[in-house]
């Protein structure tokens, strides 16, 4: 019996990596979200190291997600309450494509 990638990699959390950057949007930008499932390492300080994407993502989306993850941290309260545990896991990373187009 063959298992698909999605059945092997259930996401443990959803991170909105653009939550604090929505003010950068222009009035004519469409407010749509995209989700990329990724294999990451969550460190004890809340920072995230991206290992790989489960599905191939466009180059600008990959660049943008890496760019945003440099500043992104899992909230301390989520780590303290053990809702999010450190270590290697699969997560969903939500981003706004209109903002991703601006990162070179």
PDB file of N, CA and C in Angstrom:
ATOM      1  N   UNK A   1       0.840  -1.190   0.000  1.00  0.00           N
ATOM      2  CA  UNK A   1       0.000   0.000   0.000  1.00  0.00           C
ATOM      3  C   UNK A   1       0.878   1.243   0.000  1.00  0.00           C
ATOM      4  N   UNK A   2       0.607   2.185  -0.870  1.00  0.00           N
ATOM      5  CA  UNK A   2       1.408   3.392  -0.991  1.00  0.00           C
ATOM      6  C   UNK A   2       0.704   4.551  -0.305  1.00  0.00           C
ATOM      7  N   UNK A   3       1.457   5.269   0.557  1.00  0.00           N
ATOM      8  CA  UNK A   3       0.894   6.424   1.244  1.00  0.00           C
ATOM      9  C   UNK A   3       1.327   7.690   0.530  1.00  0.00           C
ATOM     10  N   UNK A   4       0.451   8.669   0.506  1.00  0.00           N
ATOM     11  CA  UNK A   4       0.793   9.939  -0.127  1.00  0.00           C
ATOM     12  C   UNK A   4       1.575  10.804   0.843  1.00  0.00           C
ATOM     13  N   UNK A   5       2.210  11.834   0.304  1.00  0.00           N
ATOM     14  CA  UNK A   5       3.004  12.745   1.128  1.00  0.00           C
ATOM     15  C   UNK A   5       2.138  13.437   2.163  1.00  0.00           C
ATOM     16  N   UNK A   6       0.915  13.845   1.787  1.00  0.00           N
ATOM     17  CA  UNK A   6       0.039  14.552   2.719  1.00  0.00           C
ATOM     18  C   UNK A   6      -0.350  13.687   3.916  1.00  0.00           C
ATOM     19  N   UNK A   7      -0.509  12.381   3.730  1.00  0.00           N
ATOM     20  CA  UNK A   7      -0.889  11.536   4.854  1.00  0.00           C
ATOM     21  C   UNK A   7       0.294  11.301   5.789  1.00  0.00           C
ATOM     22  N   UNK A   8       1.505  11.471   5.278  1.00  0.00           N
ATOM     23  CA  UNK A   8       2.689  11.283   6.113  1.00  0.00           C
ATOM     24  C   UNK A   8       3.059  12.540   6.892  1.00  0.00           C
ATOM     25  N   UNK A   9       2.676  13.684   6.397  1.00  0.00           N
ATOM     26  CA  UNK A   9       3.148  14.932   6.994  1.00  0.00           C
ATOM     27  C   UNK A   9       1.997  15.816   7.444  1.00  0.00           C
ATOM     28  N   UNK A  10       1.416  15.504   8.557  1.00  0.00           N
ATOM     29  CA  UNK A  10       0.344  16.325   9.115  1.00  0.00           C
ATOM     30  C   UNK A  10       0.959  17.546   9.785  1.00  0.00           C
ATOM     31  N   UNK A  11       0.420  18.703   9.498  1.00  0.00           N
ATOM     32  CA  UNK A  11       0.940  19.940  10.072  1.00  0.00           C
ATOM     33  C   UNK A  11       0.569  20.035  11.544  1.00  0.00           C
ATOM     34  N   UNK A  12       1.533  20.426  12.363  1.00  0.00           N
ATOM     35  CA  UNK A  12       1.292  20.564  13.797  1.00  0.00           C
ATOM     36  C   UNK A  12       0.826  21.964  14.166  1.00  0.00           C
ATOM     37  N   UNK A  13       1.059  22.948  13.274  1.00  0.00           N
ATOM     38  CA  UNK A  13       0.671  24.328  13.571  1.00  0.00           C
ATOM     39  C   UNK A  13       0.535  25.108  12.269  1.00  0.00           C
ATOM     40  N   UNK A  14      -0.176  26.228  12.366  1.00  0.00           N
ATOM     41  CA  UNK A  14      -0.298  27.165  11.253  1.00  0.00           C
ATOM     42  C   UNK A  14       0.282  28.482  11.730  1.00  0.00           C
ATOM     43  N   UNK A  15       1.258  28.999  11.004  1.00  0.00           N
ATOM     44  CA  UNK A  15       1.888  30.267  11.360  1.00  0.00           C
ATOM     45  C   UNK A  15       1.555  31.307  10.300  1.00  0.00           C
ATOM     46  N   UNK A  16       1.005  32.446  10.732  1.00  0.00           N
ATOM     47  CA  UNK A  16       0.694  33.565   9.845  1.00  0.00           C
ATOM     48  C   UNK A  16       1.916  34.470   9.845  1.00  0.00           C
ATOM     49  N   UNK A  17       2.799  34.299   8.870  1.00  0.00           N
ATOM     50  CA  UNK A  17       4.070  35.023   8.887  1.00  0.00           C
ATOM     51  C   UNK A  17       3.933  36.483   8.468  1.00  0.00           C
ATOM     52  N   UNK A  18       2.758  36.900   7.969  1.00  0.00           N
ATOM     53  CA  UNK A  18       2.528  38.283   7.553  1.00  0.00           C
ATOM     54  C   UNK A  18       1.675  39.082   8.531  1.00  0.00           C
ATOM     55  N   UNK A  19       1.352  38.526   9.642  1.00  0.00           N
ATOM     56  CA  UNK A  19       0.410  39.161  10.564  1.00  0.00           C
ATOM     57  C   UNK A  19       0.780  40.607  10.899  1.00  0.00           C
ATOM     58  N   UNK A  20       2.041  40.859  11.142  1.00  0.00           N
ATOM     59  CA  UNK A  20       2.465  42.204  11.550  1.00  0.00           C
ATOM     60  C   UNK A  20       2.931  43.058  10.373  1.00  0.00           C
ATOM     61  N   UNK A  21       2.815  42.567   9.155  1.00  0.00           N
ATOM     62  CA  UNK A  21       3.286  43.293   7.985  1.00  0.00           C
ATOM     63  C   UNK A  21       2.149  43.695   7.059  1.00  0.00           C
ATOM     64  N   UNK A  22       0.926  43.503   7.477  1.00  0.00           N
ATOM     65  CA  UNK A  22      -0.221  43.833   6.621  1.00  0.00           C
ATOM     66  C   UNK A  22      -0.319  45.331   6.349  1.00  0.00           C
ATOM     67  N   UNK A  23       0.261  46.157   7.215  1.00  0.00           N
ATOM     68  CA  UNK A  23       0.225  47.605   6.996  1.00  0.00           C
ATOM     69  C   UNK A  23       1.053  48.015   5.774  1.00  0.00           C
ATOM     70  N   UNK A  24       1.903  47.116   5.273  1.00  0.00           N
ATOM     71  CA  UNK A  24       2.711  47.394   4.089  1.00  0.00           C
ATOM     72  C   UNK A  24       1.911  47.259   2.800  1.00  0.00           C
ATOM     73  N   UNK A  25       0.701  46.750   2.900  1.00  0.00           N
ATOM     74  CA  UNK A  25      -0.121  46.558   1.705  1.00  0.00           C
ATOM     75  C   UNK A  25      -0.621  47.897   1.185  1.00  0.00           C
ATOM     76  N   UNK A  26      -0.768  47.950  -0.131  1.00  0.00           N
ATOM     77  CA  UNK A  26      -1.323  49.143  -0.767  1.00  0.00           C
ATOM     78  C   UNK A  26      -2.830  48.974  -0.901  1.00  0.00           C
ATOM     79  N   UNK A  27      -3.530  50.052  -1.153  1.00  0.00           N
ATOM     80  CA  UNK A  27      -4.992  50.005  -1.230  1.00  0.00           C
ATOM     81  C   UNK A  27      -5.501  49.101  -2.342  1.00  0.00           C
ATOM     82  N   UNK A  28      -4.762  49.005  -3.443  1.00  0.00           N
ATOM     83  CA  UNK A  28      -5.239  48.201  -4.565  1.00  0.00           C
ATOM     84  C   UNK A  28      -4.778  46.746  -4.501  1.00  0.00           C
ATOM     85  N   UNK A  29      -4.063  46.349  -3.460  1.00  0.00           N
ATOM     86  CA  UNK A  29      -3.638  44.955  -3.302  1.00  0.00           C
ATOM     87  C   UNK A  29      -4.814  44.073  -2.909  1.00  0.00           C
ATOM     88  N   UNK A  30      -4.878  42.927  -3.511  1.00  0.00           N
ATOM     89  CA  UNK A  30      -5.921  41.960  -3.154  1.00  0.00           C
ATOM     90  C   UNK A  30      -5.507  41.237  -1.879  1.00  0.00           C
ATOM     91  N   UNK A  31      -6.415  41.160  -0.942  1.00  0.00           N
ATOM     92  CA  UNK A  31      -6.128  40.498   0.321  1.00  0.00           C
ATOM     93  C   UNK A  31      -6.436  39.008   0.189  1.00  0.00           C
ATOM     94  N   UNK A  32      -5.491  38.286  -0.362  1.00  0.00           N
ATOM     95  CA  UNK A  32      -5.640  36.839  -0.471  1.00  0.00           C
ATOM     96  C   UNK A  32      -4.452  36.184   0.227  1.00  0.00           C
ATOM     97  N   UNK A  33      -4.676  35.013   0.760  1.00  0.00           N
ATOM     98  CA  UNK A  33      -3.646  34.287   1.485  1.00  0.00           C
ATOM     99  C   UNK A  33      -3.298  33.009   0.743  1.00  0.00           C
ATOM    100  N   UNK A  34      -2.064  32.579   0.905  1.00  0.00           N
ATOM    101  CA  UNK A  34      -1.614  31.297   0.385  1.00  0.00           C
ATOM    102  C   UNK A  34      -0.984  30.539   1.543  1.00  0.00           C
ATOM    103  N   UNK A  35      -1.029  29.233   1.449  1.00  0.00           N
ATOM    104  CA  UNK A  35      -0.452  28.385   2.483  1.00  0.00           C
ATOM    105  C   UNK A  35       0.583  27.469   1.853  1.00  0.00           C
ATOM    106  N   UNK A  36       1.745  27.396   2.496  1.00  0.00           N
ATOM    107  CA  UNK A  36       2.799  26.486   2.061  1.00  0.00           C
ATOM    108  C   UNK A  36       3.110  25.543   3.212  1.00  0.00           C
ATOM    109  N   UNK A  37       3.003  24.252   2.953  1.00  0.00           N
ATOM    110  CA  UNK A  37       3.351  23.278   3.983  1.00  0.00           C
ATOM    111  C   UNK A  37       4.857  23.055   3.927  1.00  0.00           C
ATOM    112  N   UNK A  38       5.504  23.087   5.098  1.00  0.00           N
ATOM    113  CA  UNK A  38       6.954  22.993   5.122  1.00  0.00           C
ATOM    114  C   UNK A  38       7.435  22.148   6.291  1.00  0.00           C
ATOM    115  N   UNK A  39       8.596  21.568   6.116  1.00  0.00           N
ATOM    116  CA  UNK A  39       9.283  20.848   7.184  1.00  0.00           C
ATOM    117  C   UNK A  39      10.252  21.844   7.812  1.00  0.00           C
ATOM    118  N   UNK A  40      10.119  22.066   9.115  1.00  0.00           N
ATOM    119  CA  UNK A  40      10.925  23.069   9.805  1.00  0.00           C
ATOM    120  C   UNK A  40      11.510  22.497  11.092  1.00  0.00           C
ATOM    121  N   UNK A  41      12.476  23.226  11.624  1.00  0.00           N
ATOM    122  CA  UNK A  41      12.978  22.950  12.968  1.00  0.00           C
ATOM    123  C   UNK A  41      12.632  24.167  13.800  1.00  0.00           C
ATOM    124  N   UNK A  42      11.869  23.942  14.864  1.00  0.00           N
ATOM    125  CA  UNK A  42      11.531  25.023  15.785  1.00  0.00           C
ATOM    126  C   UNK A  42      12.517  24.932  16.944  1.00  0.00           C
ATOM    127  N   UNK A  43      13.264  26.003  17.148  1.00  0.00           N
ATOM    128  CA  UNK A  43      14.265  26.040  18.217  1.00  0.00           C
ATOM    129  C   UNK A  43      13.603  26.436  19.534  1.00  0.00           C
ATOM    130  N   UNK A  44      14.298  26.204  20.632  1.00  0.00           N
ATOM    131  CA  UNK A  44      13.737  26.499  21.956  1.00  0.00           C
ATOM    132  C   UNK A  44      13.489  27.994  22.172  1.00  0.00           C
ATOM    133  N   UNK A  45      14.185  28.852  21.440  1.00  0.00           N
ATOM    134  CA  UNK A  45      13.951  30.294  21.577  1.00  0.00           C
ATOM    135  C   UNK A  45      12.796  30.786  20.703  1.00  0.00           C
ATOM    136  N   UNK A  46      12.158  29.882  19.934  1.00  0.00           N
ATOM    137  CA  UNK A  46      11.003  30.230  19.122  1.00  0.00           C
ATOM    138  C   UNK A  46      11.327  30.542  17.675  1.00  0.00           C
ATOM    139  N   UNK A  47      12.592  30.601  17.310  1.00  0.00           N
ATOM    140  CA  UNK A  47      12.934  30.850  15.913  1.00  0.00           C
ATOM    141  C   UNK A  47      12.722  29.582  15.095  1.00  0.00           C
ATOM    142  N   UNK A  48      12.531  29.778  13.802  1.00  0.00           N
ATOM    143  CA  UNK A  48      12.221  28.664  12.914  1.00  0.00           C
ATOM    144  C   UNK A  48      13.269  28.566  11.816  1.00  0.00           C
ATOM    145  N   UNK A  49      13.784  27.366  11.615  1.00  0.00           N
ATOM    146  CA  UNK A  49      14.713  27.087  10.520  1.00  0.00           C
ATOM    147  C   UNK A  49      13.969  26.237   9.484  1.00  0.00           C
ATOM    148  N   UNK A  50      13.844  26.758   8.289  1.00  0.00           N
ATOM    149  CA  UNK A  50      13.146  26.063   7.213  1.00  0.00           C
ATOM    150  C   UNK A  50      14.037  24.971   6.641  1.00  0.00           C
ATOM    151  N   UNK A  51      13.529  23.745   6.612  1.00  0.00           N
ATOM    152  CA  UNK A  51      14.267  22.614   6.048  1.00  0.00           C
ATOM    153  C   UNK A  51      13.909  22.410   4.578  1.00  0.00           C
ATOM    154  N   UNK A  52      12.608  22.284   4.305  1.00  0.00           N
ATOM    155  CA  UNK A  52      12.160  22.072   2.925  1.00  0.00           C
ATOM    156  C   UNK A  52      10.662  22.305   2.845  1.00  0.00           C
ATOM    157  N   UNK A  53      10.198  22.452   1.620  1.00  0.00           N
ATOM    158  CA  UNK A  53       8.769  22.568   1.354  1.00  0.00           C
ATOM    159  C   UNK A  53       8.241  21.193   0.970  1.00  0.00           C
ATOM    160  N   UNK A  54       7.018  20.872   1.376  1.00  0.00           N
ATOM    161  CA  UNK A  54       6.406  19.594   1.022  1.00  0.00           C
ATOM    162  C   UNK A  54       6.077  19.581  -0.466  1.00  0.00           C
ATOM    163  N   UNK A  55       5.518  20.673  -0.979  1.00  0.00           N
ATOM    164  CA  UNK A  55       5.218  20.805  -2.403  1.00  0.00           C
ATOM    165  C   UNK A  55       6.070  21.938  -2.960  1.00  0.00           C
ATOM    166  N   UNK A  56       6.399  21.852  -4.223  1.00  0.00           N
ATOM    167  CA  UNK A  56       7.210  22.881  -4.866  1.00  0.00           C
ATOM    168  C   UNK A  56       6.460  24.213  -4.840  1.00  0.00           C
ATOM    169  N   UNK A  57       7.147  25.257  -4.402  1.00  0.00           N
ATOM    170  CA  UNK A  57       6.579  26.598  -4.329  1.00  0.00           C
ATOM    171  C   UNK A  57       7.246  27.476  -5.384  1.00  0.00           C
ATOM    172  N   UNK A  58       6.549  28.511  -5.862  1.00  0.00           N
ATOM    173  CA  UNK A  58       7.188  29.447  -6.796  1.00  0.00           C
ATOM    174  C   UNK A  58       8.428  30.082  -6.157  1.00  0.00           C
ATOM    175  N   UNK A  59       9.372  30.463  -6.985  1.00  0.00           N
ATOM    176  CA  UNK A  59      10.642  31.015  -6.488  1.00  0.00           C
ATOM    177  C   UNK A  59      10.427  32.254  -5.628  1.00  0.00           C
ATOM    178  N   UNK A  60       9.519  33.152  -6.053  1.00  0.00           N
ATOM    179  CA  UNK A  60       9.303  34.361  -5.253  1.00  0.00           C
ATOM    180  C   UNK A  60       8.660  34.033  -3.902  1.00  0.00           C
ATOM    181  N   UNK A  61       7.819  33.018  -3.848  1.00  0.00           N
ATOM    182  CA  UNK A  61       7.206  32.607  -2.579  1.00  0.00           C
ATOM    183  C   UNK A  61       8.259  32.004  -1.656  1.00  0.00           C
ATOM    184  N   UNK A  62       9.142  31.177  -2.193  1.00  0.00           N
ATOM    185  CA  UNK A  62      10.214  30.593  -1.368  1.00  0.00           C
ATOM    186  C   UNK A  62      11.108  31.687  -0.786  1.00  0.00           C
ATOM    187  N   UNK A  63      11.492  32.626  -1.643  1.00  0.00           N
ATOM    188  CA  UNK A  63      12.365  33.730  -1.213  1.00  0.00           C
ATOM    189  C   UNK A  63      11.669  34.556  -0.126  1.00  0.00           C
ATOM    190  N   UNK A  64      10.389  34.840  -0.338  1.00  0.00           N
ATOM    191  CA  UNK A  64       9.633  35.660   0.606  1.00  0.00           C
ATOM    192  C   UNK A  64       9.466  34.954   1.957  1.00  0.00           C
ATOM    193  N   UNK A  65       9.143  33.688   1.933  1.00  0.00           N
ATOM    194  CA  UNK A  65       8.963  32.937   3.187  1.00  0.00           C
ATOM    195  C   UNK A  65      10.270  32.893   3.970  1.00  0.00           C
ATOM    196  N   UNK A  66      11.384  32.634   3.290  1.00  0.00           N
ATOM    197  CA  UNK A  66      12.692  32.643   3.972  1.00  0.00           C
ATOM    198  C   UNK A  66      12.986  34.023   4.560  1.00  0.00           C
ATOM    199  N   UNK A  67      12.642  35.068   3.803  1.00  0.00           N
ATOM    200  CA  UNK A  67      12.857  36.440   4.252  1.00  0.00           C
ATOM    201  C   UNK A  67      12.054  36.731   5.524  1.00  0.00           C
ATOM    202  N   UNK A  68      10.788  36.360   5.549  1.00  0.00           N
ATOM    203  CA  UNK A  68       9.938  36.612   6.717  1.00  0.00           C
ATOM    204  C   UNK A  68      10.319  35.741   7.917  1.00  0.00           C
ATOM    205  N   UNK A  69      10.794  34.526   7.677  1.00  0.00           N
ATOM    206  CA  UNK A  69      11.155  33.646   8.790  1.00  0.00           C
ATOM    207  C   UNK A  69      12.393  34.122   9.537  1.00  0.00           C
ATOM    208  N   UNK A  70      13.175  35.019   8.940  1.00  0.00           N
ATOM    209  CA  UNK A  70      14.334  35.584   9.651  1.00  0.00           C
ATOM    210  C   UNK A  70      13.881  36.360  10.885  1.00  0.00           C
ATOM    211  N   UNK A  71      12.717  37.018  10.798  1.00  0.00           N
ATOM    212  CA  UNK A  71      12.195  37.833  11.907  1.00  0.00           C
ATOM    213  C   UNK A  71      11.109  37.135  12.714  1.00  0.00           C
ATOM    214  N   UNK A  72      10.533  36.079  12.176  1.00  0.00           N
ATOM    215  CA  UNK A  72       9.385  35.433  12.807  1.00  0.00           C
ATOM    216  C   UNK A  72       9.827  34.590  14.010  1.00  0.00           C
ATOM    217  N   UNK A  73       9.055  34.683  15.084  1.00  0.00           N
ATOM    218  CA  UNK A  73       9.282  33.854  16.271  1.00  0.00           C
ATOM    219  C   UNK A  73       7.954  33.318  16.772  1.00  0.00           C
ATOM    220  N   UNK A  74       7.968  32.090  17.227  1.00  0.00           N
ATOM    221  CA  UNK A  74       6.795  31.501  17.865  1.00  0.00           C
ATOM    222  C   UNK A  74       6.641  32.197  19.216  1.00  0.00           C
ATOM    223  N   UNK A  75       5.433  32.570  19.547  1.00  0.00           N
ATOM    224  CA  UNK A  75       5.211  33.279  20.814  1.00  0.00           C
ATOM    225  C   UNK A  75       5.643  32.428  22.002  1.00  0.00           C
ATOM    226  N   UNK A  76       6.230  33.100  22.980  1.00  0.00           N
ATOM    227  CA  UNK A  76       6.750  32.428  24.169  1.00  0.00           C
ATOM    228  C   UNK A  76       5.660  31.667  24.918  1.00  0.00           C
ATOM    229  N   UNK A  77       4.468  32.239  24.997  1.00  0.00           N
ATOM    230  CA  UNK A  77       3.383  31.585  25.734  1.00  0.00           C
ATOM    231  C   UNK A  77       3.002  30.248  25.091  1.00  0.00           C
ATOM    232  N   UNK A  78       3.080  30.170  23.753  1.00  0.00           N
ATOM    233  CA  UNK A  78       2.778  28.909  23.072  1.00  0.00           C
ATOM    234  C   UNK A  78       3.840  27.856  23.376  1.00  0.00           C
ATOM    235  N   UNK A  79       5.085  28.293  23.495  1.00  0.00           N
ATOM    236  CA  UNK A  79       6.175  27.370  23.822  1.00  0.00           C
ATOM    237  C   UNK A  79       6.084  26.952  25.299  1.00  0.00           C
ATOM    238  N   UNK A  80       5.809  27.902  26.178  1.00  0.00           N
ATOM    239  CA  UNK A  80       5.731  27.609  27.614  1.00  0.00           C
ATOM    240  C   UNK A  80       4.577  26.656  27.940  1.00  0.00           C
ATOM    241  N   UNK A  81       3.447  26.823  27.259  1.00  0.00           N
ATOM    242  CA  UNK A  81       2.289  25.963  27.507  1.00  0.00           C
ATOM    243  C   UNK A  81       2.353  24.655  26.723  1.00  0.00           C
ATOM    244  N   UNK A  82       3.434  24.464  25.987  1.00  0.00           N
ATOM    245  CA  UNK A  82       3.708  23.246  25.218  1.00  0.00           C
ATOM    246  C   UNK A  82       2.664  22.980  24.129  1.00  0.00           C
ATOM    247  N   UNK A  83       2.036  24.069  23.674  1.00  0.00           N
ATOM    248  CA  UNK A  83       1.155  23.951  22.514  1.00  0.00           C
ATOM    249  C   UNK A  83       2.012  23.721  21.262  1.00  0.00           C
ATOM    250  N   UNK A  84       3.149  24.411  21.217  1.00  0.00           N
ATOM    251  CA  UNK A  84       4.151  24.224  20.168  1.00  0.00           C
ATOM    252  C   UNK A  84       5.414  23.712  20.850  1.00  0.00           C
ATOM    253  N   UNK A  85       5.892  22.565  20.413  1.00  0.00           N
ATOM    254  CA  UNK A  85       7.099  21.976  20.992  1.00  0.00           C
ATOM    255  C   UNK A  85       8.285  22.188  20.069  1.00  0.00           C
ATOM    256  N   UNK A  86       9.468  22.378  20.639  1.00  0.00           N
ATOM    257  CA  UNK A  86      10.657  22.507  19.803  1.00  0.00           C
ATOM    258  C   UNK A  86      10.949  21.196  19.083  1.00  0.00           C
ATOM    259  N   UNK A  87      11.664  21.305  17.976  1.00  0.00           N
ATOM    260  CA  UNK A  87      12.065  20.123  17.230  1.00  0.00           C
ATOM    261  C   UNK A  87      11.630  20.176  15.785  1.00  0.00           C
ATOM    262  N   UNK A  88      11.911  19.094  15.079  1.00  0.00           N
ATOM    263  CA  UNK A  88      11.579  18.991  13.657  1.00  0.00           C
ATOM    264  C   UNK A  88      10.114  18.602  13.501  1.00  0.00           C
ATOM    265  N   UNK A  89       9.399  19.326  12.644  1.00  0.00           N
ATOM    266  CA  UNK A  89       7.984  19.052  12.431  1.00  0.00           C
ATOM    267  C   UNK A  89       7.497  19.715  11.151  1.00  0.00           C
ATOM    268  N   UNK A  90       6.302  19.346  10.749  1.00  0.00           N
ATOM    269  CA  UNK A  90       5.668  19.938   9.585  1.00  0.00           C
ATOM    270  C   UNK A  90       4.695  21.006  10.054  1.00  0.00           C
ATOM    271  N   UNK A  91       4.715  22.165   9.386  1.00  0.00           N
ATOM    272  CA  UNK A  91       3.823  23.265   9.725  1.00  0.00           C
ATOM    273  C   UNK A  91       3.265  23.869   8.440  1.00  0.00           C
ATOM    274  N   UNK A  92       2.239  24.681   8.577  1.00  0.00           N
ATOM    275  CA  UNK A  92       1.710  25.446   7.459  1.00  0.00           C
ATOM    276  C   UNK A  92       2.114  26.897   7.657  1.00  0.00           C
ATOM    277  N   UNK A  93       2.660  27.492   6.617  1.00  0.00           N
ATOM    278  CA  UNK A  93       3.092  28.886   6.650  1.00  0.00           C
ATOM    279  C   UNK A  93       2.167  29.681   5.744  1.00  0.00           C
ATOM    280  N   UNK A  94       1.415  30.607   6.324  1.00  0.00           N
ATOM    281  CA  UNK A  94       0.471  31.421   5.547  1.00  0.00           C
ATOM    282  C   UNK A  94       1.116  32.770   5.243  1.00  0.00           C
ATOM    283  N   UNK A  95       0.948  33.202   4.000  1.00  0.00           N
ATOM    284  CA  UNK A  95       1.528  34.475   3.581  1.00  0.00           C
ATOM    285  C   UNK A  95       0.599  35.149   2.582  1.00  0.00           C
ATOM    286  N   UNK A  96       0.869  36.429   2.314  1.00  0.00           N
ATOM    287  CA  UNK A  96       0.079  37.218   1.373  1.00  0.00           C
ATOM    288  C   UNK A  96       0.887  37.366   0.078  1.00  0.00           C
ATOM    289  N   UNK A  97       0.401  36.812  -1.027  1.00  0.00           N
ATOM    290  CA  UNK A  97       1.156  36.881  -2.287  1.00  0.00           C
ATOM    291  C   UNK A  97       1.458  38.310  -2.744  1.00  0.00           C
ATOM    292  N   UNK A  98       0.588  39.278  -2.453  1.00  0.00           N
ATOM    293  CA  UNK A  98       0.832  40.665  -2.865  1.00  0.00           C
ATOM    294  C   UNK A  98       2.100  41.211  -2.205  1.00  0.00           C
ATOM    295  N   UNK A  99       2.373  40.801  -0.979  1.00  0.00           N
ATOM    296  CA  UNK A  99       3.596  41.234  -0.305  1.00  0.00           C
ATOM    297  C   UNK A  99       4.811  40.457  -0.818  1.00  0.00           C
ATOM    298  N   UNK A 100       4.609  39.227  -1.205  1.00  0.00           N
ATOM    299  CA  UNK A 100       5.714  38.406  -1.693  1.00  0.00           C
ATOM    300  C   UNK A 100       6.275  38.949  -3.000  1.00  0.00           C
ATOM    301  N   UNK A 101       5.442  39.597  -3.798  1.00  0.00           N
ATOM    302  CA  UNK A 101       5.894  40.147  -5.084  1.00  0.00           C
ATOM    303  C   UNK A 101       6.868  41.302  -4.896  1.00  0.00           C
ATOM    304  N   UNK A 102       6.860  41.925  -3.730  1.00  0.00           N
ATOM    305  CA  UNK A 102       7.704  43.102  -3.497  1.00  0.00           C
ATOM    306  C   UNK A 102       9.111  42.758  -3.034  1.00  0.00           C
ATOM    307  N   UNK A 103       9.338  41.542  -2.590  1.00  0.00           N
ATOM    308  CA  UNK A 103      10.664  41.145  -2.074  1.00  0.00           C
ATOM    309  C   UNK A 103      11.521  40.662  -3.239  1.00  0.00           C
ATOM    310  N   UNK A 104      12.675  41.220  -3.375  1.00  0.00           N
ATOM    311  CA  UNK A 104      13.599  40.841  -4.461  1.00  0.00           C
ATOM    312  C   UNK A 104      14.661  39.901  -3.951  1.00  0.00           C
TER     313      UNK A 104
END
